[in-house]
Amino acid sequence: MEPLEVPSAGHAEVRILAASPEVSRRVAEVLRRCFASVEQRSYPAGSEGGTRLHLTVDTTRPAEPARSWLVTSQSSENDREQTDEV
């Protein structure tokens, strides 16, 4: 497995895996309403027609509702990398 490249400060890489391109686009649209979107890439996923969408968001420019959520959220000890994530 290749090491993951960490996005620049203030940016987050989001990966969406869905059964269809339309479903992944809907999820990406919700994220775009909360954060400025920098980049989007879409790939086929699996032999059953799934779609994988990669989206880069700029967390330094949050819009509502993300802005109010970010103000009140805090990291916890349970926040850690999942072993099954790529």
Protein backbone atom coordinates (compact mmCIF):
# COMPACT_ATOMS: atom_id res chain seq x y z
CA MET A 1 0.00 0.00 0.00
CA GLU A 2 1.34 3.43 -0.94
CA PRO A 3 1.64 6.05 1.78
CA LEU A 4 -1.15 8.62 1.64
CA GLU A 5 -0.28 12.18 0.73
CA VAL A 6 -1.56 14.55 3.40
CA PRO A 7 -3.55 17.48 1.96
CA SER A 8 -2.32 21.02 2.53
CA ALA A 9 -3.25 22.80 5.76
CA GLY A 10 -6.94 23.64 5.93
CA HIS A 11 -7.95 21.11 3.28
CA ALA A 12 -9.50 17.64 3.65
CA GLU A 13 -9.74 14.77 1.20
CA VAL A 14 -13.18 13.11 1.24
CA ARG A 15 -13.83 9.77 -0.41
CA ILE A 16 -17.39 8.72 -1.24
CA LEU A 17 -18.28 5.18 -2.28
CA ALA A 18 -21.80 4.78 -3.65
CA ALA A 19 -23.85 2.40 -5.77
CA SER A 20 -24.33 5.02 -8.50
CA PRO A 21 -22.77 8.27 -9.75
CA GLU A 22 -25.97 10.15 -8.87
CA VAL A 23 -25.80 9.13 -5.21
CA SER A 24 -22.15 10.16 -4.91
CA ARG A 25 -22.91 13.52 -6.59
CA ARG A 26 -25.71 14.17 -4.08
CA VAL A 27 -23.38 13.59 -1.15
CA ALA A 28 -20.70 15.79 -2.74
CA GLU A 29 -23.26 18.56 -3.25
CA VAL A 30 -24.10 18.56 0.46
CA LEU A 31 -20.40 18.89 1.29
CA ARG A 32 -20.05 21.74 -1.21
CA ARG A 33 -22.84 23.61 0.57
CA CYS A 34 -20.83 23.37 3.81
CA PHE A 35 -17.29 23.92 2.50
CA ALA A 36 -15.61 25.46 -0.50
CA SER A 37 -14.74 22.64 -2.89
CA VAL A 38 -11.32 22.59 -4.47
CA GLU A 39 -11.34 19.50 -6.64
CA GLN A 40 -13.48 16.47 -7.55
CA ARG A 41 -12.53 13.18 -9.24
CA SER A 42 -14.77 10.23 -10.00
CA TYR A 43 -13.79 6.59 -10.64
CA PRO A 44 -15.62 3.31 -11.22
CA ALA A 45 -15.76 1.14 -8.10
CA GLY A 46 -16.05 -2.60 -8.33
CA SER A 47 -17.57 -4.82 -10.95
CA GLU A 48 -21.17 -4.04 -9.96
CA GLY A 49 -21.24 -0.46 -11.26
CA GLY A 50 -20.41 1.43 -8.08
CA THR A 51 -18.80 4.87 -8.11
CA ARG A 52 -15.96 6.24 -6.04
CA LEU A 53 -15.78 10.02 -5.82
CA HIS A 54 -12.82 11.91 -4.34
CA LEU A 55 -13.45 15.48 -3.27
CA THR A 56 -11.06 18.04 -1.78
CA VAL A 57 -12.71 20.59 0.49
CA ASP A 58 -11.31 23.80 1.94
CA THR A 59 -12.15 23.80 5.65
CA THR A 60 -10.82 27.33 6.10
CA ARG A 61 -13.92 28.63 4.28
CA PRO A 62 -16.85 26.83 5.91
CA ALA A 63 -20.42 27.89 5.19
CA GLU A 64 -23.46 27.21 7.34
CA PRO A 65 -24.27 24.65 8.73
CA ALA A 66 -20.62 23.53 8.98
CA ARG A 67 -19.47 26.81 10.51
CA SER A 68 -21.70 26.49 13.59
CA TRP A 69 -20.89 22.79 13.95
CA LEU A 70 -17.13 23.42 13.77
CA VAL A 71 -17.35 26.08 16.45
CA THR A 72 -18.97 23.66 18.91
CA SER A 73 -17.15 20.42 17.99
CA GLN A 74 -14.05 19.11 19.70
CA SER A 75 -11.80 16.12 19.13
CA SER A 76 -12.15 13.24 21.56
CA GLU A 77 -9.86 10.43 22.61
CA ASN A 78 -11.94 8.16 20.37
CA ASP A 79 -10.85 10.08 17.24
CA ARG A 80 -8.30 7.84 15.59
CA GLU A 81 -7.54 6.38 12.19
CA GLN A 82 -9.60 3.35 11.22
CA THR A 83 -7.53 0.37 10.09
CA ASP A 84 -9.87 -0.47 7.20
CA GLU A 85 -9.68 3.02 5.61
CA VAL A 86 -7.49 3.79 2.62
